[in-house]
Amino acid sequence: MKNRKIISIIPNVLTSIALLLGLLSIFNLVSENLYNSIWLSCVFIYSAAFIDFIDGKIARLLKNDSEFGMHYDSLADLISFGVAPSFLVYSLYLNSFDRLGIICCLFYTICVALRLARFNTLAHDEKDGFFIGMPSPMAAGLIVSFVLINFKFEILPSNDLSLVLLFSLIFLGYLMVSNVIFIKKITIKGLSRFNSLVLITFLLIAILAHIEIGSLIFFSLYLFLSLIKYLLFKLKRRNLKFKI
């Protein structure tokens, strides 16, 4: 009985860790050693995204998913994927835009809140197979990947990256509250579950081996494939209407 109680709190403990990582990402930027703080803050957000990916699956595996856990997870996501990325990009780049930078960060954060609230109100069968609107962890991951790769390789001057991030916040914020359908499950045709797991494991190792490049490719590819799939879906529906 005691073991069962311990097991039942595992998903919420994981959600609490994700929330703490989001808060650490914010507080870490206030530290004096800003050079190391940038990299750590980005990694904290990535780690929170990974935990967010597995906590729901663990809850379902343990048959312990609940309405409380769903709402608590959304509150944690708002901090880790809404407030933390906004604070990160504003502190480093968008403060030069003064009020415009603040407005864009607030817009993005509010869109995250709206995205999470809408997800919680959807019926269970509407959550299967795909996401309506871009998932907040993926949007945050893409923003952070821009910061991280430029921090490592200095590809763009700060002013140019500031503009990229400014428009990215608006664009990704819109995608989160839009009705665009995003990929939820990635399946590999022709491969068994075990072989698919092995391949995905190797891909994750490759990403972790060079997190700056790997994360940018991963999050950009997710956005690109989702948008292409949605456009093809819309074209298919349009052609069917014309035939009718």
C-alpha atoms as a PDB file:
ATOM      1  CA  MET A   1       0.000   0.000   0.000  1.00  0.00           C
ATOM      2  CA  LYS A   2       2.843   2.353   0.905  1.00  0.00           C
ATOM      3  CA  ASN A   3       4.670   1.568  -2.352  1.00  0.00           C
ATOM      4  CA  ARG A   4       1.488   2.231  -4.284  1.00  0.00           C
ATOM      5  CA  LYS A   5       1.186   5.711  -2.728  1.00  0.00           C
ATOM      6  CA  ILE A   6       4.803   6.492  -3.595  1.00  0.00           C
ATOM      7  CA  ILE A   7       4.294   5.355  -7.185  1.00  0.00           C
ATOM      8  CA  SER A   8       1.128   7.455  -7.493  1.00  0.00           C
ATOM      9  CA  ILE A   9       3.010  10.722  -6.830  1.00  0.00           C
ATOM     10  CA  ILE A  10       5.795  10.055  -9.388  1.00  0.00           C
ATOM     11  CA  PRO A  11       4.107  11.958 -12.286  1.00  0.00           C
ATOM     12  CA  ASN A  12       3.477  15.037 -10.116  1.00  0.00           C
ATOM     13  CA  VAL A  13       7.042  14.886  -8.774  1.00  0.00           C
ATOM     14  CA  LEU A  14       8.310  14.938 -12.371  1.00  0.00           C
ATOM     15  CA  THR A  15       6.054  17.907 -13.126  1.00  0.00           C
ATOM     16  CA  SER A  16       7.462  19.688 -10.045  1.00  0.00           C
ATOM     17  CA  ILE A  17      11.007  19.057 -11.320  1.00  0.00           C
ATOM     18  CA  ALA A  18      10.072  20.516 -14.719  1.00  0.00           C
ATOM     19  CA  LEU A  19       8.631  23.564 -12.949  1.00  0.00           C
ATOM     20  CA  LEU A  20      11.801  23.962 -10.866  1.00  0.00           C
ATOM     21  CA  LEU A  21      13.938  23.741 -14.010  1.00  0.00           C
ATOM     22  CA  GLY A  22      11.907  26.531 -15.593  1.00  0.00           C
ATOM     23  CA  LEU A  23      12.357  28.688 -12.490  1.00  0.00           C
ATOM     24  CA  LEU A  24      16.080  27.883 -12.374  1.00  0.00           C
ATOM     25  CA  SER A  25      16.378  29.010 -15.982  1.00  0.00           C
ATOM     26  CA  ILE A  26      14.971  32.398 -14.960  1.00  0.00           C
ATOM     27  CA  PHE A  27      16.945  32.854 -11.730  1.00  0.00           C
ATOM     28  CA  ASN A  28      20.128  31.608 -13.370  1.00  0.00           C
ATOM     29  CA  LEU A  29      20.155  34.609 -15.733  1.00  0.00           C
ATOM     30  CA  VAL A  30      20.376  36.978 -12.764  1.00  0.00           C
ATOM     31  CA  SER A  31      23.708  35.477 -11.690  1.00  0.00           C
ATOM     32  CA  GLU A  32      26.945  37.364 -12.187  1.00  0.00           C
ATOM     33  CA  ASN A  33      28.574  34.858 -14.553  1.00  0.00           C
ATOM     34  CA  LEU A  34      26.284  35.547 -17.512  1.00  0.00           C
ATOM     35  CA  TYR A  35      28.409  33.573 -20.004  1.00  0.00           C
ATOM     36  CA  ASN A  36      27.790  30.250 -18.263  1.00  0.00           C
ATOM     37  CA  SER A  37      24.260  31.298 -17.276  1.00  0.00           C
ATOM     38  CA  ILE A  38      23.061  31.513 -20.886  1.00  0.00           C
ATOM     39  CA  TRP A  39      24.047  27.944 -21.687  1.00  0.00           C
ATOM     40  CA  LEU A  40      22.671  26.591 -18.413  1.00  0.00           C
ATOM     41  CA  SER A  41      19.371  28.452 -18.759  1.00  0.00           C
ATOM     42  CA  CYS A  42      18.883  26.963 -22.230  1.00  0.00           C
ATOM     43  CA  VAL A  43      19.684  23.461 -20.981  1.00  0.00           C
ATOM     44  CA  PHE A  44      17.254  23.885 -18.061  1.00  0.00           C
ATOM     45  CA  ILE A  45      14.435  24.649 -20.525  1.00  0.00           C
ATOM     46  CA  TYR A  46      15.394  21.688 -22.713  1.00  0.00           C
ATOM     47  CA  SER A  47      15.455  19.423 -19.644  1.00  0.00           C
ATOM     48  CA  ALA A  48      12.009  20.676 -18.618  1.00  0.00           C
ATOM     49  CA  ALA A  49      10.743  19.879 -22.140  1.00  0.00           C
ATOM     50  CA  PHE A  50      12.110  16.329 -21.905  1.00  0.00           C
ATOM     51  CA  ILE A  51      10.447  15.774 -18.522  1.00  0.00           C
ATOM     52  CA  ASP A  52       7.195  17.233 -19.864  1.00  0.00           C
ATOM     53  CA  PHE A  53       7.406  14.683 -22.686  1.00  0.00           C
ATOM     54  CA  ILE A  54       7.721  11.699 -20.354  1.00  0.00           C
ATOM     55  CA  ASP A  55       5.623  12.628 -17.300  1.00  0.00           C
ATOM     56  CA  GLY A  56       2.278  12.196 -19.045  1.00  0.00           C
ATOM     57  CA  LYS A  57       3.368   8.889 -20.536  1.00  0.00           C
ATOM     58  CA  ILE A  58       4.519   7.666 -17.127  1.00  0.00           C
ATOM     59  CA  ALA A  59       1.199   8.748 -15.584  1.00  0.00           C
ATOM     60  CA  ARG A  60      -0.724   6.752 -18.180  1.00  0.00           C
ATOM     61  CA  LEU A  61       1.633   3.802 -17.784  1.00  0.00           C
ATOM     62  CA  LEU A  62       1.006   3.817 -14.018  1.00  0.00           C
ATOM     63  CA  LYS A  63      -2.718   4.413 -14.685  1.00  0.00           C
ATOM     64  CA  ASN A  64      -2.503   7.491 -12.520  1.00  0.00           C
ATOM     65  CA  ASP A  65      -3.371  10.344 -14.892  1.00  0.00           C
ATOM     66  CA  SER A  66      -5.785  12.782 -13.256  1.00  0.00           C
ATOM     67  CA  GLU A  67      -7.424  16.149 -13.815  1.00  0.00           C
ATOM     68  CA  PHE A  68      -5.249  17.630 -11.049  1.00  0.00           C
ATOM     69  CA  GLY A  69      -2.110  16.362 -12.785  1.00  0.00           C
ATOM     70  CA  MET A  70      -3.278  17.819 -16.114  1.00  0.00           C
ATOM     71  CA  HIS A  71      -3.842  21.295 -14.667  1.00  0.00           C
ATOM     72  CA  TYR A  72      -0.641  21.190 -12.596  1.00  0.00           C
ATOM     73  CA  ASP A  73       1.294  20.195 -15.718  1.00  0.00           C
ATOM     74  CA  SER A  74      -0.150  23.193 -17.576  1.00  0.00           C
ATOM     75  CA  LEU A  75       0.882  25.590 -14.792  1.00  0.00           C
ATOM     76  CA  ALA A  76       4.414  24.182 -14.911  1.00  0.00           C
ATOM     77  CA  ASP A  77       4.449  24.495 -18.710  1.00  0.00           C
ATOM     78  CA  LEU A  78       3.418  28.150 -18.507  1.00  0.00           C
ATOM     79  CA  ILE A  79       6.517  28.893 -16.409  1.00  0.00           C
ATOM     80  CA  SER A  80       8.976  26.610 -18.225  1.00  0.00           C
ATOM     81  CA  PHE A  81       7.863  27.259 -21.822  1.00  0.00           C
ATOM     82  CA  GLY A  82       6.193  30.649 -21.545  1.00  0.00           C
ATOM     83  CA  VAL A  83       7.818  32.840 -18.916  1.00  0.00           C
ATOM     84  CA  ALA A  84      11.334  31.324 -18.980  1.00  0.00           C
ATOM     85  CA  PRO A  85      11.962  31.612 -22.772  1.00  0.00           C
ATOM     86  CA  SER A  86      10.466  35.128 -22.822  1.00  0.00           C
ATOM     87  CA  PHE A  87      12.686  36.211 -19.942  1.00  0.00           C
ATOM     88  CA  LEU A  88      15.698  34.595 -21.637  1.00  0.00           C
ATOM     89  CA  VAL A  89      15.328  36.387 -24.974  1.00  0.00           C
ATOM     90  CA  TYR A  90      14.305  39.699 -23.423  1.00  0.00           C
ATOM     91  CA  SER A  91      17.262  39.706 -21.006  1.00  0.00           C
ATOM     92  CA  LEU A  92      19.779  38.928 -23.743  1.00  0.00           C
ATOM     93  CA  TYR A  93      18.425  40.570 -26.903  1.00  0.00           C
ATOM     94  CA  LEU A  94      14.983  42.190 -26.889  1.00  0.00           C
ATOM     95  CA  ASN A  95      15.616  44.754 -24.135  1.00  0.00           C
ATOM     96  CA  SER A  96      17.156  46.927 -26.865  1.00  0.00           C
ATOM     97  CA  PHE A  97      13.660  47.299 -28.380  1.00  0.00           C
ATOM     98  CA  ASP A  98      12.336  48.704 -25.091  1.00  0.00           C
ATOM     99  CA  ARG A  99       8.505  48.544 -25.052  1.00  0.00           C
ATOM    100  CA  LEU A 100       8.251  46.623 -28.309  1.00  0.00           C
ATOM    101  CA  GLY A 101      10.429  43.849 -26.868  1.00  0.00           C
ATOM    102  CA  ILE A 102       8.269  43.693 -23.726  1.00  0.00           C
ATOM    103  CA  ILE A 103       5.059  43.583 -25.798  1.00  0.00           C
ATOM    104  CA  CYS A 104       6.331  40.708 -27.959  1.00  0.00           C
ATOM    105  CA  CYS A 105       7.449  38.713 -24.908  1.00  0.00           C
ATOM    106  CA  LEU A 106       4.098  39.311 -23.198  1.00  0.00           C
ATOM    107  CA  PHE A 107       2.259  38.315 -26.389  1.00  0.00           C
ATOM    108  CA  TYR A 108       4.208  35.058 -26.618  1.00  0.00           C
ATOM    109  CA  THR A 109       3.627  34.220 -22.933  1.00  0.00           C
ATOM    110  CA  ILE A 110      -0.104  34.918 -23.181  1.00  0.00           C
ATOM    111  CA  CYS A 111      -0.297  32.699 -26.279  1.00  0.00           C
ATOM    112  CA  VAL A 112       1.333  29.894 -24.278  1.00  0.00           C
ATOM    113  CA  ALA A 113      -1.306  30.342 -21.546  1.00  0.00           C
ATOM    114  CA  LEU A 114      -4.127  30.323 -24.113  1.00  0.00           C
ATOM    115  CA  ARG A 115      -2.682  27.244 -25.835  1.00  0.00           C
ATOM    116  CA  LEU A 116      -2.517  25.336 -22.558  1.00  0.00           C
ATOM    117  CA  ALA A 117      -6.006  26.433 -21.470  1.00  0.00           C
ATOM    118  CA  ARG A 118      -7.489  25.325 -24.790  1.00  0.00           C
ATOM    119  CA  PHE A 119      -5.725  21.978 -24.610  1.00  0.00           C
ATOM    120  CA  ASN A 120      -7.189  21.325 -21.151  1.00  0.00           C
ATOM    121  CA  THR A 121     -10.725  22.015 -22.394  1.00  0.00           C
ATOM    122  CA  LEU A 122     -10.529  19.672 -25.387  1.00  0.00           C
ATOM    123  CA  ALA A 123     -12.362  16.370 -25.247  1.00  0.00           C
ATOM    124  CA  HIS A 124     -10.170  13.290 -24.801  1.00  0.00           C
ATOM    125  CA  ASP A 125     -10.688  12.063 -28.376  1.00  0.00           C
ATOM    126  CA  GLU A 126      -9.627  15.470 -29.755  1.00  0.00           C
ATOM    127  CA  LYS A 127      -6.201  15.079 -28.122  1.00  0.00           C
ATOM    128  CA  ASP A 128      -5.337  11.817 -29.873  1.00  0.00           C
ATOM    129  CA  GLY A 129      -3.245  11.638 -33.025  1.00  0.00           C
ATOM    130  CA  PHE A 130      -2.390  15.333 -33.430  1.00  0.00           C
ATOM    131  CA  PHE A 131      -2.071  18.708 -31.701  1.00  0.00           C
ATOM    132  CA  ILE A 132      -4.285  21.690 -32.507  1.00  0.00           C
ATOM    133  CA  GLY A 133      -1.816  24.557 -32.415  1.00  0.00           C
ATOM    134  CA  MET A 134       1.921  24.241 -31.907  1.00  0.00           C
ATOM    135  CA  PRO A 135       2.844  22.583 -28.580  1.00  0.00           C
ATOM    136  CA  SER A 136       4.435  25.091 -26.198  1.00  0.00           C
ATOM    137  CA  PRO A 137       7.528  22.920 -25.457  1.00  0.00           C
ATOM    138  CA  MET A 138       8.315  22.758 -29.192  1.00  0.00           C
ATOM    139  CA  ALA A 139       7.865  26.523 -29.630  1.00  0.00           C
ATOM    140  CA  ALA A 140      10.073  27.220 -26.606  1.00  0.00           C
ATOM    141  CA  GLY A 141      12.634  24.689 -27.850  1.00  0.00           C
ATOM    142  CA  LEU A 142      12.889  26.437 -31.217  1.00  0.00           C
ATOM    143  CA  ILE A 143      13.377  29.849 -29.618  1.00  0.00           C
ATOM    144  CA  VAL A 144      16.018  28.504 -27.244  1.00  0.00           C
ATOM    145  CA  SER A 145      17.808  26.718 -30.118  1.00  0.00           C
ATOM    146  CA  PHE A 146      18.274  30.092 -31.874  1.00  0.00           C
ATOM    147  CA  VAL A 147      19.844  31.528 -28.724  1.00  0.00           C
ATOM    148  CA  LEU A 148      21.987  28.474 -28.059  1.00  0.00           C
ATOM    149  CA  ILE A 149      23.462  28.050 -31.542  1.00  0.00           C
ATOM    150  CA  ASN A 150      24.280  31.748 -31.821  1.00  0.00           C
ATOM    151  CA  PHE A 151      25.789  31.685 -28.333  1.00  0.00           C
ATOM    152  CA  LYS A 152      28.078  28.853 -29.446  1.00  0.00           C
ATOM    153  CA  PHE A 153      29.002  29.888 -32.997  1.00  0.00           C
ATOM    154  CA  GLU A 154      28.058  33.605 -33.218  1.00  0.00           C
ATOM    155  CA  ILE A 155      26.400  33.131 -36.603  1.00  0.00           C
ATOM    156  CA  LEU A 156      24.454  36.401 -36.525  1.00  0.00           C
ATOM    157  CA  PRO A 157      25.267  39.810 -35.020  1.00  0.00           C
ATOM    158  CA  SER A 158      23.221  40.583 -31.920  1.00  0.00           C
ATOM    159  CA  ASN A 159      21.033  43.132 -33.755  1.00  0.00           C
ATOM    160  CA  ASP A 160      20.128  40.630 -36.488  1.00  0.00           C
ATOM    161  CA  LEU A 161      19.377  37.860 -34.000  1.00  0.00           C
ATOM    162  CA  SER A 162      17.232  40.293 -32.011  1.00  0.00           C
ATOM    163  CA  LEU A 163      15.049  40.850 -35.078  1.00  0.00           C
ATOM    164  CA  VAL A 164      14.851  37.099 -35.753  1.00  0.00           C
ATOM    165  CA  LEU A 165      13.734  36.457 -32.166  1.00  0.00           C
ATOM    166  CA  LEU A 166      11.268  39.349 -32.230  1.00  0.00           C
ATOM    167  CA  PHE A 167       9.453  37.968 -35.274  1.00  0.00           C
ATOM    168  CA  SER A 168       9.826  34.383 -33.995  1.00  0.00           C
ATOM    169  CA  LEU A 169       7.940  35.233 -30.802  1.00  0.00           C
ATOM    170  CA  ILE A 170       5.057  36.689 -32.809  1.00  0.00           C
ATOM    171  CA  PHE A 171       4.997  33.880 -35.385  1.00  0.00           C
ATOM    172  CA  LEU A 172       5.277  31.018 -32.884  1.00  0.00           C
ATOM    173  CA  GLY A 173       2.790  32.695 -30.560  1.00  0.00           C
ATOM    174  CA  TYR A 174       0.288  32.816 -33.410  1.00  0.00           C
ATOM    175  CA  LEU A 175       0.940  29.158 -34.319  1.00  0.00           C
ATOM    176  CA  MET A 176       0.221  28.082 -30.738  1.00  0.00           C
ATOM    177  CA  VAL A 177      -3.259  29.638 -30.725  1.00  0.00           C
ATOM    178  CA  SER A 178      -4.040  28.806 -34.359  1.00  0.00           C
ATOM    179  CA  ASN A 179      -6.006  25.833 -35.668  1.00  0.00           C
ATOM    180  CA  VAL A 180      -2.971  24.491 -37.511  1.00  0.00           C
ATOM    181  CA  ILE A 181      -2.574  20.759 -36.920  1.00  0.00           C
ATOM    182  CA  PHE A 182       0.821  19.641 -35.601  1.00  0.00           C
ATOM    183  CA  ILE A 183       2.361  16.190 -35.504  1.00  0.00           C
ATOM    184  CA  LYS A 184       1.893  14.309 -32.246  1.00  0.00           C
ATOM    185  CA  LYS A 185       3.160  10.809 -32.964  1.00  0.00           C
ATOM    186  CA  ILE A 186       6.131  10.075 -35.192  1.00  0.00           C
ATOM    187  CA  THR A 187       5.923   6.644 -36.798  1.00  0.00           C
ATOM    188  CA  ILE A 188       8.548   4.995 -38.978  1.00  0.00           C
ATOM    189  CA  LYS A 189       6.976   2.810 -41.624  1.00  0.00           C
ATOM    190  CA  GLY A 190       8.529  -0.579 -42.278  1.00  0.00           C
ATOM    191  CA  LEU A 191      10.290  -0.765 -38.907  1.00  0.00           C
ATOM    192  CA  SER A 192       9.301  -2.746 -35.848  1.00  0.00           C
ATOM    193  CA  ARG A 193       8.787  -0.961 -32.527  1.00  0.00           C
ATOM    194  CA  PHE A 194      12.151  -2.190 -31.280  1.00  0.00           C
ATOM    195  CA  ASN A 195      14.046  -1.046 -34.393  1.00  0.00           C
ATOM    196  CA  SER A 196      12.235   2.295 -34.284  1.00  0.00           C
ATOM    197  CA  LEU A 197      13.246   2.701 -30.636  1.00  0.00           C
ATOM    198  CA  VAL A 198      16.878   1.921 -31.476  1.00  0.00           C
ATOM    199  CA  LEU A 199      16.873   4.453 -34.323  1.00  0.00           C
ATOM    200  CA  ILE A 200      15.264   7.158 -32.185  1.00  0.00           C
ATOM    201  CA  THR A 201      17.787   6.445 -29.401  1.00  0.00           C
ATOM    202  CA  PHE A 202      20.671   6.957 -31.830  1.00  0.00           C
ATOM    203  CA  LEU A 203      19.103  10.208 -33.032  1.00  0.00           C
ATOM    204  CA  LEU A 204      18.750  11.473 -29.463  1.00  0.00           C
ATOM    205  CA  ILE A 205      22.383  10.594 -28.737  1.00  0.00           C
ATOM    206  CA  ALA A 206      23.418  12.472 -31.889  1.00  0.00           C
ATOM    207  CA  ILE A 207      21.437  15.526 -30.739  1.00  0.00           C
ATOM    208  CA  LEU A 208      22.947  15.404 -27.242  1.00  0.00           C
ATOM    209  CA  ALA A 209      26.454  14.963 -28.665  1.00  0.00           C
ATOM    210  CA  HIS A 210      26.180  18.415 -30.218  1.00  0.00           C
ATOM    211  CA  ILE A 211      23.152  19.960 -28.566  1.00  0.00           C
ATOM    212  CA  GLU A 212      23.480  23.360 -30.265  1.00  0.00           C
ATOM    213  CA  ILE A 213      23.219  21.996 -33.818  1.00  0.00           C
ATOM    214  CA  GLY A 214      21.105  18.954 -32.978  1.00  0.00           C
ATOM    215  CA  SER A 215      18.400  20.888 -31.148  1.00  0.00           C
ATOM    216  CA  LEU A 216      18.084  23.482 -33.917  1.00  0.00           C
ATOM    217  CA  ILE A 217      17.693  20.749 -36.548  1.00  0.00           C
ATOM    218  CA  PHE A 218      15.201  18.816 -34.406  1.00  0.00           C
ATOM    219  CA  PHE A 219      12.863  21.710 -33.565  1.00  0.00           C
ATOM    220  CA  SER A 220      13.108  23.297 -37.036  1.00  0.00           C
ATOM    221  CA  LEU A 221      12.395  19.956 -38.697  1.00  0.00           C
ATOM    222  CA  TYR A 222       9.366  19.419 -36.459  1.00  0.00           C
ATOM    223  CA  LEU A 223       7.937  22.816 -37.424  1.00  0.00           C
ATOM    224  CA  PHE A 224       8.687  22.325 -41.122  1.00  0.00           C
ATOM    225  CA  LEU A 225       7.226  18.802 -41.354  1.00  0.00           C
ATOM    226  CA  SER A 226       4.116  19.789 -39.399  1.00  0.00           C
ATOM    227  CA  LEU A 227       3.422  22.798 -41.626  1.00  0.00           C
ATOM    228  CA  ILE A 228       4.007  20.771 -44.809  1.00  0.00           C
ATOM    229  CA  LYS A 229       1.706  18.003 -43.573  1.00  0.00           C
ATOM    230  CA  TYR A 230      -0.987  20.557 -42.671  1.00  0.00           C
ATOM    231  CA  LEU A 231      -0.737  22.279 -46.080  1.00  0.00           C
ATOM    232  CA  LEU A 232      -1.047  18.937 -47.867  1.00  0.00           C
ATOM    233  CA  PHE A 233      -4.072  18.127 -45.715  1.00  0.00           C
ATOM    234  CA  LYS A 234      -5.729  21.463 -46.605  1.00  0.00           C
ATOM    235  CA  LEU A 235      -4.999  20.971 -50.316  1.00  0.00           C
ATOM    236  CA  LYS A 236      -6.472  17.475 -50.209  1.00  0.00           C
ATOM    237  CA  ARG A 237      -9.659  18.752 -48.567  1.00  0.00           C
ATOM    238  CA  ARG A 238      -9.899  21.583 -51.080  1.00  0.00           C
ATOM    239  CA  ASN A 239      -9.581  19.183 -54.029  1.00  0.00           C
ATOM    240  CA  LEU A 240     -12.295  16.951 -52.561  1.00  0.00           C
ATOM    241  CA  LYS A 241     -14.683  19.921 -52.310  1.00  0.00           C
ATOM    242  CA  PHE A 242     -14.105  20.819 -55.958  1.00  0.00           C
ATOM    243  CA  LYS A 243     -14.807  17.211 -57.017  1.00  0.00           C
ATOM    244  CA  ILE A 244     -18.063  17.177 -55.082  1.00  0.00           C
END
